[in-house]
Each structure stands twice: as C-alpha cells, then as structure tokens.
Amino acid sequence: MGVEESRVKILLREGIAAVRPGTVEQAQRSLSQVLDLDADSERAWLWMGAVRHGEDRLECLESVLAINPFNEHPRPGLDALLGDGRGRIARKRSSQAKAGRGTSLAL
C-alpha cells in the first residue's frame, strides 16, 4: 500500500467517523481531502452526500453512480431529492448551464 493510498484510507475513516457524532465541518474537510486525492472514491462521495444539502448533495450522489452505476446506496437519497423537488432542481441546473457555470462543492 502506497503512502497516498494509506492517507486516503485514514482521511476516509476520519471523515466517516466525524459524520456520526455530528461534526459535519470536520467530516466535510476530511472527505474533501479524500476526493482531492482520489476523485473516484465511491465511499467518499456517498458519505459527502450525507453531510451536504440540496444541489451539492445531488452532485455527490450522482458522482457515486457515475463511478459505479450498479451502486444502490445513493438511490434513496436521489429519489428524495428528485421526487418533490425535481422541477426546482432541474430549473436551477438548467439556469446554471445557460450561464456557463458548473456546480462546485465549495465548503
């Protein structure tokens, strides 16, 4: 196991542990560091989705499915986000695209 891979695992463990007691800011910092090192970490995207809201949460959960379309874990969150709010979120994404702005997960 390489140094970077070890760092990713440590940060992922710290991020997940921080979600449980409710220290959301620490969880976001650790998970963001994981994603900086390994943008294809399904677990980091999934846990980041647990501590983000609205459009940011949607982006996190969609990222999990982009990496692994067979992962069922993000689907309940996506259903909840897209159920009643489908039109509002779709309009927001459409207006951002027209304005030439992408989404970002700024902390």
PDB file of N, CA and C in Angstrom:
ATOM      1  N   MET A   1       0.855  -1.177   0.000  1.00  0.00           N
ATOM      2  CA  MET A   1       0.000   0.000   0.000  1.00  0.00           C
ATOM      3  C   MET A   1       0.897   1.235   0.000  1.00  0.00           C
ATOM      4  N   GLY A   2       0.638   2.165  -0.944  1.00  0.00           N
ATOM      5  CA  GLY A   2       1.429   3.371  -1.035  1.00  0.00           C
ATOM      6  C   GLY A   2       1.043   4.389   0.021  1.00  0.00           C
ATOM      7  N   VAL A   3       1.897   5.388   0.166  1.00  0.00           N
ATOM      8  CA  VAL A   3       1.663   6.434   1.163  1.00  0.00           C
ATOM      9  C   VAL A   3       0.356   7.168   0.867  1.00  0.00           C
ATOM     10  N   GLU A   4       0.118   7.509  -0.403  1.00  0.00           N
ATOM     11  CA  GLU A   4      -1.098   8.239  -0.752  1.00  0.00           C
ATOM     12  C   GLU A   4      -2.335   7.382  -0.491  1.00  0.00           C
ATOM     13  N   GLU A   5      -2.268   6.094  -0.814  1.00  0.00           N
ATOM     14  CA  GLU A   5      -3.393   5.199  -0.567  1.00  0.00           C
ATOM     15  C   GLU A   5      -3.678   5.085   0.930  1.00  0.00           C
ATOM     16  N   SER A   6      -2.621   5.030   1.740  1.00  0.00           N
ATOM     17  CA  SER A   6      -2.795   4.992   3.194  1.00  0.00           C
ATOM     18  C   SER A   6      -3.437   6.274   3.691  1.00  0.00           C
ATOM     19  N   ARG A   7      -2.997   7.397   3.163  1.00  0.00           N
ATOM     20  CA  ARG A   7      -3.548   8.707   3.544  1.00  0.00           C
ATOM     21  C   ARG A   7      -5.034   8.776   3.200  1.00  0.00           C
ATOM     22  N   VAL A   8      -5.393   8.281   2.017  1.00  0.00           N
ATOM     23  CA  VAL A   8      -6.793   8.276   1.593  1.00  0.00           C
ATOM     24  C   VAL A   8      -7.629   7.460   2.579  1.00  0.00           C
ATOM     25  N   LYS A   9      -7.140   6.277   2.956  1.00  0.00           N
ATOM     26  CA  LYS A   9      -7.895   5.424   3.884  1.00  0.00           C
ATOM     27  C   LYS A   9      -8.046   6.076   5.252  1.00  0.00           C
ATOM     28  N   ILE A  10      -6.997   6.716   5.735  1.00  0.00           N
ATOM     29  CA  ILE A  10      -7.055   7.390   7.039  1.00  0.00           C
ATOM     30  C   ILE A  10      -8.064   8.542   6.985  1.00  0.00           C
ATOM     31  N   LEU A  11      -7.975   9.371   5.949  1.00  0.00           N
ATOM     32  CA  LEU A  11      -8.889  10.503   5.818  1.00  0.00           C
ATOM     33  C   LEU A  11     -10.332  10.042   5.657  1.00  0.00           C
ATOM     34  N   LEU A  12     -10.538   8.963   4.911  1.00  0.00           N
ATOM     35  CA  LEU A  12     -11.886   8.440   4.740  1.00  0.00           C
ATOM     36  C   LEU A  12     -12.443   7.969   6.074  1.00  0.00           C
ATOM     37  N   ARG A  13     -11.637   7.252   6.847  1.00  0.00           N
ATOM     38  CA  ARG A  13     -12.074   6.802   8.182  1.00  0.00           C
ATOM     39  C   ARG A  13     -12.403   7.987   9.073  1.00  0.00           C
ATOM     40  N   GLU A  14     -11.548   9.015   9.046  1.00  0.00           N
ATOM     41  CA  GLU A  14     -11.794  10.216   9.858  1.00  0.00           C
ATOM     42  C   GLU A  14     -13.082  10.913   9.432  1.00  0.00           C
ATOM     43  N   GLY A  15     -13.287  11.021   8.119  1.00  0.00           N
ATOM     44  CA  GLY A  15     -14.495  11.682   7.615  1.00  0.00           C
ATOM     45  C   GLY A  15     -15.753  10.952   8.016  1.00  0.00           C
ATOM     46  N   ILE A  16     -15.747   9.631   7.872  1.00  0.00           N
ATOM     47  CA  ILE A  16     -16.914   8.830   8.247  1.00  0.00           C
ATOM     48  C   ILE A  16     -17.163   8.917   9.748  1.00  0.00           C
ATOM     49  N   ALA A  17     -16.092   8.827  10.530  1.00  0.00           N
ATOM     50  CA  ALA A  17     -16.235   8.917  11.990  1.00  0.00           C
ATOM     51  C   ALA A  17     -16.795  10.274  12.402  1.00  0.00           C
ATOM     52  N   ALA A  18     -16.424  11.323  11.704  1.00  0.00           N
ATOM     53  CA  ALA A  18     -16.892  12.666  12.048  1.00  0.00           C
ATOM     54  C   ALA A  18     -18.373  12.850  11.730  1.00  0.00           C
ATOM     55  N   VAL A  19     -18.902  12.105  10.768  1.00  0.00           N
ATOM     56  CA  VAL A  19     -20.316  12.222  10.423  1.00  0.00           C
ATOM     57  C   VAL A  19     -21.173  11.727  11.578  1.00  0.00           C
ATOM     58  N   ARG A  20     -20.770  10.682  12.195  1.00  0.00           N
ATOM     59  CA  ARG A  20     -21.594  10.037  13.223  1.00  0.00           C
ATOM     60  C   ARG A  20     -21.865  10.919  14.435  1.00  0.00           C
ATOM     61  N   PRO A  21     -20.866  11.556  15.040  1.00  0.00           N
ATOM     62  CA  PRO A  21     -21.202  12.384  16.200  1.00  0.00           C
ATOM     63  C   PRO A  21     -21.750  13.758  15.818  1.00  0.00           C
ATOM     64  N   GLY A  22     -21.816  14.039  14.530  1.00  0.00           N
ATOM     65  CA  GLY A  22     -22.409  15.292  14.097  1.00  0.00           C
ATOM     66  C   GLY A  22     -21.438  16.423  13.868  1.00  0.00           C
ATOM     67  N   THR A  23     -20.155  16.138  13.788  1.00  0.00           N
ATOM     68  CA  THR A  23     -19.177  17.186  13.497  1.00  0.00           C
ATOM     69  C   THR A  23     -19.025  17.298  11.980  1.00  0.00           C
ATOM     70  N   VAL A  24     -20.024  17.891  11.377  1.00  0.00           N
ATOM     71  CA  VAL A  24     -20.159  17.939   9.936  1.00  0.00           C
ATOM     72  C   VAL A  24     -18.995  18.661   9.258  1.00  0.00           C
ATOM     73  N   GLU A  25     -18.530  19.756   9.831  1.00  0.00           N
ATOM     74  CA  GLU A  25     -17.449  20.505   9.204  1.00  0.00           C
ATOM     75  C   GLU A  25     -16.181  19.660   9.096  1.00  0.00           C
ATOM     76  N   GLN A  26     -15.856  18.913  10.150  1.00  0.00           N
ATOM     77  CA  GLN A  26     -14.681  18.036  10.112  1.00  0.00           C
ATOM     78  C   GLN A  26     -14.882  16.929   9.078  1.00  0.00           C
ATOM     79  N   ALA A  27     -16.074  16.386   9.023  1.00  0.00           N
ATOM     80  CA  ALA A  27     -16.372  15.345   8.036  1.00  0.00           C
ATOM     81  C   ALA A  27     -16.178  15.886   6.623  1.00  0.00           C
ATOM     82  N   GLN A  28     -16.685  17.071   6.369  1.00  0.00           N
ATOM     83  CA  GLN A  28     -16.544  17.678   5.043  1.00  0.00           C
ATOM     84  C   GLN A  28     -15.079  17.918   4.691  1.00  0.00           C
ATOM     85  N   ARG A  29     -14.312  18.398   5.662  1.00  0.00           N
ATOM     86  CA  ARG A  29     -12.872  18.637   5.401  1.00  0.00           C
ATOM     87  C   ARG A  29     -12.161  17.338   5.060  1.00  0.00           C
ATOM     88  N   SER A  30     -12.363  16.310   5.869  1.00  0.00           N
ATOM     89  CA  SER A  30     -11.681  15.031   5.634  1.00  0.00           C
ATOM     90  C   SER A  30     -12.117  14.410   4.310  1.00  0.00           C
ATOM     91  N   LEU A  31     -13.411  14.415   4.047  1.00  0.00           N
ATOM     92  CA  LEU A  31     -13.912  13.821   2.813  1.00  0.00           C
ATOM     93  C   LEU A  31     -13.472  14.616   1.584  1.00  0.00           C
ATOM     94  N   SER A  32     -13.390  15.927   1.707  1.00  0.00           N
ATOM     95  CA  SER A  32     -12.883  16.748   0.598  1.00  0.00           C
ATOM     96  C   SER A  32     -11.428  16.409   0.290  1.00  0.00           C
ATOM     97  N   GLN A  33     -10.651  16.180   1.341  1.00  0.00           N
ATOM     98  CA  GLN A  33      -9.249  15.789   1.141  1.00  0.00           C
ATOM     99  C   GLN A  33      -9.163  14.439   0.452  1.00  0.00           C
ATOM    100  N   VAL A  34     -10.030  13.503   0.851  1.00  0.00           N
ATOM    101  CA  VAL A  34     -10.057  12.195   0.186  1.00  0.00           C
ATOM    102  C   VAL A  34     -10.340  12.392  -1.296  1.00  0.00           C
ATOM    103  N   LEU A  35     -11.346  13.196  -1.618  1.00  0.00           N
ATOM    104  CA  LEU A  35     -11.729  13.392  -3.012  1.00  0.00           C
ATOM    105  C   LEU A  35     -10.666  14.148  -3.799  1.00  0.00           C
ATOM    106  N   ASP A  36      -9.893  14.997  -3.130  1.00  0.00           N
ATOM    107  CA  ASP A  36      -8.762  15.642  -3.801  1.00  0.00           C
ATOM    108  C   ASP A  36      -7.710  14.612  -4.198  1.00  0.00           C
ATOM    109  N   LEU A  37      -7.538  13.601  -3.355  1.00  0.00           N
ATOM    110  CA  LEU A  37      -6.547  12.562  -3.611  1.00  0.00           C
ATOM    111  C   LEU A  37      -7.071  11.446  -4.504  1.00  0.00           C
ATOM    112  N   ASP A  38      -8.369  11.162  -4.396  1.00  0.00           N
ATOM    113  CA  ASP A  38      -8.976  10.062  -5.150  1.00  0.00           C
ATOM    114  C   ASP A  38     -10.402  10.447  -5.534  1.00  0.00           C
ATOM    115  N   ALA A  39     -10.528  11.095  -6.668  1.00  0.00           N
ATOM    116  CA  ALA A  39     -11.834  11.589  -7.119  1.00  0.00           C
ATOM    117  C   ALA A  39     -12.806  10.462  -7.457  1.00  0.00           C
ATOM    118  N   ASP A  40     -12.318   9.228  -7.545  1.00  0.00           N
ATOM    119  CA  ASP A  40     -13.168   8.088  -7.859  1.00  0.00           C
ATOM    120  C   ASP A  40     -13.545   7.262  -6.633  1.00  0.00           C
ATOM    121  N   SER A  41     -13.449   7.846  -5.456  1.00  0.00           N
ATOM    122  CA  SER A  41     -13.810   7.128  -4.232  1.00  0.00           C
ATOM    123  C   SER A  41     -15.316   7.152  -4.036  1.00  0.00           C
ATOM    124  N   GLU A  42     -15.954   6.019  -4.348  1.00  0.00           N
ATOM    125  CA  GLU A  42     -17.410   5.926  -4.172  1.00  0.00           C
ATOM    126  C   GLU A  42     -17.809   6.210  -2.735  1.00  0.00           C
ATOM    127  N   ARG A  43     -17.072   5.613  -1.801  1.00  0.00           N
ATOM    128  CA  ARG A  43     -17.420   5.778  -0.379  1.00  0.00           C
ATOM    129  C   ARG A  43     -17.336   7.245   0.044  1.00  0.00           C
ATOM    130  N   ALA A  44     -16.295   7.945  -0.400  1.00  0.00           N
ATOM    131  CA  ALA A  44     -16.158   9.356  -0.022  1.00  0.00           C
ATOM    132  C   ALA A  44     -17.299  10.187  -0.599  1.00  0.00           C
ATOM    133  N   TRP A  45     -17.654   9.951  -1.865  1.00  0.00           N
ATOM    134  CA  TRP A  45     -18.763  10.687  -2.466  1.00  0.00           C
ATOM    135  C   TRP A  45     -20.073  10.387  -1.735  1.00  0.00           C
ATOM    136  N   LEU A  46     -20.277   9.103  -1.394  1.00  0.00           N
ATOM    137  CA  LEU A  46     -21.511   8.721  -0.702  1.00  0.00           C
ATOM    138  C   LEU A  46     -21.611   9.388   0.666  1.00  0.00           C
ATOM    139  N   TRP A  47     -20.523   9.348   1.434  1.00  0.00           N
ATOM    140  CA  TRP A  47     -20.539   9.972   2.762  1.00  0.00           C
ATOM    141  C   TRP A  47     -20.602  11.499   2.663  1.00  0.00           C
ATOM    142  N   MET A  48     -19.967  12.061   1.630  1.00  0.00           N
ATOM    143  CA  MET A  48     -20.066  13.510   1.435  1.00  0.00           C
ATOM    144  C   MET A  48     -21.529  13.879   1.165  1.00  0.00           C
ATOM    145  N   GLY A  49     -22.228  13.020   0.441  1.00  0.00           N
ATOM    146  CA  GLY A  49     -23.654  13.250   0.201  1.00  0.00           C
ATOM    147  C   GLY A  49     -24.475  13.251   1.479  1.00  0.00           C
ATOM    148  N   ALA A  50     -23.975  12.561   2.507  1.00  0.00           N
ATOM    149  CA  ALA A  50     -24.683  12.517   3.786  1.00  0.00           C
ATOM    150  C   ALA A  50     -24.545  13.822   4.567  1.00  0.00           C
ATOM    151  N   VAL A  51     -23.530  14.602   4.266  1.00  0.00           N
ATOM    152  CA  VAL A  51     -23.296  15.844   5.019  1.00  0.00           C
ATOM    153  C   VAL A  51     -23.518  17.096   4.181  1.00  0.00           C
ATOM    154  N   ARG A  52     -23.936  16.931   2.941  1.00  0.00           N
ATOM    155  CA  ARG A  52     -24.234  18.077   2.080  1.00  0.00           C
ATOM    156  C   ARG A  52     -25.750  18.194   1.908  1.00  0.00           C
ATOM    157  N   HIS A  53     -26.191  19.284   1.345  1.00  0.00           N
ATOM    158  CA  HIS A  53     -27.624  19.523   1.173  1.00  0.00           C
ATOM    159  C   HIS A  53     -27.908  20.016  -0.240  1.00  0.00           C
ATOM    160  N   GLY A  54     -29.126  19.822  -0.675  1.00  0.00           N
ATOM    161  CA  GLY A  54     -29.606  20.368  -1.939  1.00  0.00           C
ATOM    162  C   GLY A  54     -28.782  19.953  -3.138  1.00  0.00           C
ATOM    163  N   GLU A  55     -28.412  20.937  -3.927  1.00  0.00           N
ATOM    164  CA  GLU A  55     -27.674  20.711  -5.173  1.00  0.00           C
ATOM    165  C   GLU A  55     -26.342  20.008  -4.926  1.00  0.00           C
ATOM    166  N   ASP A  56     -25.636  20.373  -3.848  1.00  0.00           N
ATOM    167  CA  ASP A  56     -24.364  19.724  -3.534  1.00  0.00           C
ATOM    168  C   ASP A  56     -24.563  18.244  -3.233  1.00  0.00           C
ATOM    169  N   ARG A  57     -25.613  17.930  -2.494  1.00  0.00           N
ATOM    170  CA  ARG A  57     -25.896  16.521  -2.178  1.00  0.00           C
ATOM    171  C   ARG A  57     -26.215  15.752  -3.454  1.00  0.00           C
ATOM    172  N   LEU A  58     -27.009  16.350  -4.316  1.00  0.00           N
ATOM    173  CA  LEU A  58     -27.356  15.730  -5.589  1.00  0.00           C
ATOM    174  C   LEU A  58     -26.091  15.420  -6.392  1.00  0.00           C
ATOM    175  N   GLU A  59     -25.181  16.381  -6.453  1.00  0.00           N
ATOM    176  CA  GLU A  59     -23.932  16.188  -7.189  1.00  0.00           C
ATOM    177  C   GLU A  59     -23.118  15.027  -6.602  1.00  0.00           C
ATOM    178  N   CYS A  60     -23.064  14.947  -5.288  1.00  0.00           N
ATOM    179  CA  CYS A  60     -22.322  13.858  -4.636  1.00  0.00           C
ATOM    180  C   CYS A  60     -22.922  12.501  -4.977  1.00  0.00           C
ATOM    181  N   LEU A  61     -24.231  12.382  -4.855  1.00  0.00           N
ATOM    182  CA  LEU A  61     -24.890  11.103  -5.108  1.00  0.00           C
ATOM    183  C   LEU A  61     -24.810  10.713  -6.576  1.00  0.00           C
ATOM    184  N   GLU A  62     -24.906  11.694  -7.460  1.00  0.00           N
ATOM    185  CA  GLU A  62     -24.745  11.412  -8.888  1.00  0.00           C
ATOM    186  C   GLU A  62     -23.318  10.968  -9.196  1.00  0.00           C
ATOM    187  N   SER A  63     -22.350  11.504  -8.464  1.00  0.00           N
ATOM    188  CA  SER A  63     -20.955  11.109  -8.670  1.00  0.00           C
ATOM    189  C   SER A  63     -20.742   9.636  -8.332  1.00  0.00           C
ATOM    190  N   VAL A  64     -21.420   9.174  -7.278  1.00  0.00           N
ATOM    191  CA  VAL A  64     -21.328   7.749  -6.922  1.00  0.00           C
ATOM    192  C   VAL A  64     -21.792   6.902  -8.098  1.00  0.00           C
ATOM    193  N   LEU A  65     -22.923   7.262  -8.675  1.00  0.00           N
ATOM    194  CA  LEU A  65     -23.473   6.483  -9.784  1.00  0.00           C
ATOM    195  C   LEU A  65     -22.651   6.631 -11.056  1.00  0.00           C
ATOM    196  N   ALA A  66     -21.997   7.759 -11.231  1.00  0.00           N
ATOM    197  CA  ALA A  66     -21.124   7.923 -12.395  1.00  0.00           C
ATOM    198  C   ALA A  66     -19.932   6.966 -12.299  1.00  0.00           C
ATOM    199  N   ILE A  67     -19.447   6.762 -11.092  1.00  0.00           N
ATOM    200  CA  ILE A  67     -18.328   5.850 -10.866  1.00  0.00           C
ATOM    201  C   ILE A  67     -18.796   4.400 -10.964  1.00  0.00           C
ATOM    202  N   ASN A  68     -19.954   4.109 -10.351  1.00  0.00           N
ATOM    203  CA  ASN A  68     -20.477   2.745 -10.327  1.00  0.00           C
ATOM    204  C   ASN A  68     -21.996   2.784 -10.465  1.00  0.00           C
ATOM    205  N   PRO A  69     -22.504   2.627 -11.677  1.00  0.00           N
ATOM    206  CA  PRO A  69     -23.943   2.696 -11.905  1.00  0.00           C
ATOM    207  C   PRO A  69     -24.743   1.606 -11.181  1.00  0.00           C
ATOM    208  N   PHE A  70     -24.071   0.588 -10.685  1.00  0.00           N
ATOM    209  CA  PHE A  70     -24.748  -0.512 -10.004  1.00  0.00           C
ATOM    210  C   PHE A  70     -24.831  -0.309  -8.489  1.00  0.00           C
ATOM    211  N   ASN A  71     -24.267   0.767  -7.982  1.00  0.00           N
ATOM    212  CA  ASN A  71     -24.303   1.052  -6.547  1.00  0.00           C
ATOM    213  C   ASN A  71     -25.710   1.528  -6.187  1.00  0.00           C
ATOM    214  N   GLU A  72     -26.370   0.782  -5.334  1.00  0.00           N
ATOM    215  CA  GLU A  72     -27.748   1.103  -4.950  1.00  0.00           C
ATOM    216  C   GLU A  72     -27.844   2.098  -3.790  1.00  0.00           C
ATOM    217  N   HIS A  73     -26.759   2.331  -3.074  1.00  0.00           N
ATOM    218  CA  HIS A  73     -26.799   3.168  -1.874  1.00  0.00           C
ATOM    219  C   HIS A  73     -27.250   4.614  -2.120  1.00  0.00           C
ATOM    220  N   PRO A  74     -26.873   5.260  -3.214  1.00  0.00           N
ATOM    221  CA  PRO A  74     -27.315   6.657  -3.378  1.00  0.00           C
ATOM    222  C   PRO A  74     -28.758   6.808  -3.854  1.00  0.00           C
ATOM    223  N   ARG A  75     -29.372   5.733  -4.301  1.00  0.00           N
ATOM    224  CA  ARG A  75     -30.704   5.850  -4.912  1.00  0.00           C
ATOM    225  C   ARG A  75     -31.788   6.402  -3.983  1.00  0.00           C
ATOM    226  N   PRO A  76     -31.871   5.972  -2.709  1.00  0.00           N
ATOM    227  CA  PRO A  76     -32.905   6.570  -1.844  1.00  0.00           C
ATOM    228  C   PRO A  76     -32.733   8.089  -1.678  1.00  0.00           C
ATOM    229  N   GLY A  77     -31.496   8.539  -1.546  1.00  0.00           N
ATOM    230  CA  GLY A  77     -31.248   9.971  -1.433  1.00  0.00           C
ATOM    231  C   GLY A  77     -31.608  10.712  -2.701  1.00  0.00           C
ATOM    232  N   LEU A  78     -31.267  10.117  -3.850  1.00  0.00           N
ATOM    233  CA  LEU A  78     -31.630  10.737  -5.131  1.00  0.00           C
ATOM    234  C   LEU A  78     -33.144  10.780  -5.304  1.00  0.00           C
ATOM    235  N   ASP A  79     -33.819   9.703  -4.936  1.00  0.00           N
ATOM    236  CA  ASP A  79     -35.283   9.692  -5.032  1.00  0.00           C
ATOM    237  C   ASP A  79     -35.885  10.796  -4.169  1.00  0.00           C
ATOM    238  N   ALA A  80     -35.344  10.966  -2.969  1.00  0.00           N
ATOM    239  CA  ALA A  80     -35.853  12.006  -2.070  1.00  0.00           C
ATOM    240  C   ALA A  80     -35.591  13.399  -2.641  1.00  0.00           C
ATOM    241  N   LEU A  81     -34.413  13.602  -3.197  1.00  0.00           N
ATOM    242  CA  LEU A  81     -34.066  14.918  -3.751  1.00  0.00           C
ATOM    243  C   LEU A  81     -34.849  15.228  -5.021  1.00  0.00           C
ATOM    244  N   LEU A  82     -35.031  14.236  -5.853  1.00  0.00           N
ATOM    245  CA  LEU A  82     -35.649  14.477  -7.151  1.00  0.00           C
ATOM    246  C   LEU A  82     -37.154  14.289  -7.147  1.00  0.00           C
ATOM    247  N   GLY A  83     -37.681  13.684  -6.095  1.00  0.00           N
ATOM    248  CA  GLY A  83     -39.126  13.446  -6.016  1.00  0.00           C
ATOM    249  C   GLY A  83     -39.924  14.725  -6.111  1.00  0.00           C
ATOM    250  N   ASP A  84     -40.131  15.398  -4.987  1.00  0.00           N
ATOM    251  CA  ASP A  84     -40.939  16.613  -4.951  1.00  0.00           C
ATOM    252  C   ASP A  84     -40.213  17.811  -5.549  1.00  0.00           C
ATOM    253  N   GLY A  85     -38.890  17.819  -5.471  1.00  0.00           N
ATOM    254  CA  GLY A  85     -38.141  18.989  -5.918  1.00  0.00           C
ATOM    255  C   GLY A  85     -37.588  18.873  -7.320  1.00  0.00           C
ATOM    256  N   ARG A  86     -38.042  17.887  -8.089  1.00  0.00           N
ATOM    257  CA  ARG A  86     -37.473  17.637  -9.414  1.00  0.00           C
ATOM    258  C   ARG A  86     -37.477  18.900 -10.285  1.00  0.00           C
ATOM    259  N   GLY A  87     -38.580  19.585 -10.338  1.00  0.00           N
ATOM    260  CA  GLY A  87     -38.665  20.769 -11.182  1.00  0.00           C
ATOM    261  C   GLY A  87     -37.744  21.883 -10.717  1.00  0.00           C
ATOM    262  N   ARG A  88     -37.707  22.125  -9.410  1.00  0.00           N
ATOM    263  CA  ARG A  88     -36.879  23.203  -8.873  1.00  0.00           C
ATOM    264  C   ARG A  88     -35.406  22.932  -9.140  1.00  0.00           C
ATOM    265  N   ILE A  89     -34.955  21.707  -8.872  1.00  0.00           N
ATOM    266  CA  ILE A  89     -33.545  21.365  -9.076  1.00  0.00           C
ATOM    267  C   ILE A  89     -33.208  21.391 -10.561  1.00  0.00           C
ATOM    268  N   ALA A  90     -34.096  20.854 -11.397  1.00  0.00           N
ATOM    269  CA  ALA A  90     -33.848  20.846 -12.837  1.00  0.00           C
ATOM    270  C   ALA A  90     -33.755  22.266 -13.369  1.00  0.00           C
ATOM    271  N   ARG A  91     -34.638  23.171 -12.901  1.00  0.00           N
ATOM    272  CA  ARG A  91     -34.580  24.567 -13.347  1.00  0.00           C
ATOM    273  C   ARG A  91     -33.275  25.227 -12.914  1.00  0.00           C
ATOM    274  N   LYS A  92     -32.847  24.966 -11.687  1.00  0.00           N
ATOM    275  CA  LYS A  92     -31.605  25.557 -11.191  1.00  0.00           C
ATOM    276  C   LYS A  92     -30.423  25.072 -12.015  1.00  0.00           C
ATOM    277  N   ARG A  93     -30.360  23.775 -12.296  1.00  0.00           N
ATOM    278  CA  ARG A  93     -29.257  23.218 -13.079  1.00  0.00           C
ATOM    279  C   ARG A  93     -29.277  23.787 -14.490  1.00  0.00           C
ATOM    280  N   SER A  94     -30.469  23.926 -15.065  1.00  0.00           N
ATOM    281  CA  SER A  94     -30.587  24.456 -16.415  1.00  0.00           C
ATOM    282  C   SER A  94     -30.110  25.902 -16.473  1.00  0.00           C
ATOM    283  N   SER A  95     -30.494  26.695 -15.483  1.00  0.00           N
ATOM    284  CA  SER A  95     -30.081  28.103 -15.487  1.00  0.00           C
ATOM    285  C   SER A  95     -28.577  28.231 -15.263  1.00  0.00           C
ATOM    286  N   GLN A  96     -27.993  27.347 -14.455  1.00  0.00           N
ATOM    287  CA  GLN A  96     -26.541  27.365 -14.262  1.00  0.00           C
ATOM    288  C   GLN A  96     -25.827  27.009 -15.553  1.00  0.00           C
ATOM    289  N   ALA A  97     -26.337  26.019 -16.261  1.00  0.00           N
ATOM    290  CA  ALA A  97     -25.716  25.602 -17.515  1.00  0.00           C
ATOM    291  C   ALA A  97     -25.785  26.729 -18.542  1.00  0.00           C
ATOM    292  N   LYS A  98     -26.929  27.408 -18.608  1.00  0.00           N
ATOM    293  CA  LYS A  98     -27.077  28.518 -19.550  1.00  0.00           C
ATOM    294  C   LYS A  98     -26.130  29.654 -19.221  1.00  0.00           C
ATOM    295  N   ALA A  99     -25.880  29.856 -17.938  1.00  0.00           N
ATOM    296  CA  ALA A  99     -24.988  30.931 -17.513  1.00  0.00           C
ATOM    297  C   ALA A  99     -23.524  30.521 -17.634  1.00  0.00           C
ATOM    298  N   GLY A 100     -23.290  29.259 -18.011  1.00  0.00           N
ATOM    299  CA  GLY A 100     -21.920  28.787 -18.175  1.00  0.00           C
ATOM    300  C   GLY A 100     -21.244  28.439 -16.877  1.00  0.00           C
ATOM    301  N   ARG A 101     -22.026  28.241 -15.826  1.00  0.00           N
ATOM    302  CA  ARG A 101     -21.466  27.895 -14.523  1.00  0.00           C
ATOM    303  C   ARG A 101     -21.702  26.440 -14.256  1.00  0.00           C
ATOM    304  N   GLY A 102     -20.672  25.765 -13.777  1.00  0.00           N
ATOM    305  CA  GLY A 102     -20.830  24.384 -13.322  1.00  0.00           C
ATOM    306  C   GLY A 102     -21.157  24.400 -11.851  1.00  0.00           C
ATOM    307  N   THR A 103     -21.348  23.235 -11.306  1.00  0.00           N
ATOM    308  CA  THR A 103     -21.558  23.154  -9.876  1.00  0.00           C
ATOM    309  C   THR A 103     -20.230  22.905  -9.202  1.00  0.00           C
ATOM    310  N   SER A 104     -20.116  23.327  -7.970  1.00  0.00           N
ATOM    311  CA  SER A 104     -18.901  23.064  -7.213  1.00  0.00           C
ATOM    312  C   SER A 104     -19.300  22.738  -5.782  1.00  0.00           C
ATOM    313  N   LEU A 105     -18.397  22.087  -5.097  1.00  0.00           N
ATOM    314  CA  LEU A 105     -18.659  21.714  -3.721  1.00  0.00           C
ATOM    315  C   LEU A 105     -17.845  22.582  -2.779  1.00  0.00           C
ATOM    316  N   ALA A 106     -17.965  23.874  -2.926  1.00  0.00           N
ATOM    317  CA  ALA A 106     -17.229  24.786  -2.056  1.00  0.00           C
ATOM    318  C   ALA A 106     -17.698  24.616  -0.631  1.00  0.00           C
ATOM    319  N   LEU A 107     -16.752  24.609   0.280  1.00  0.00           N
ATOM    320  CA  LEU A 107     -17.093  24.453   1.698  1.00  0.00           C
ATOM    321  C   LEU A 107     -17.435  25.780   2.314  1.00  0.00           C
TER     322      LEU A 107
END
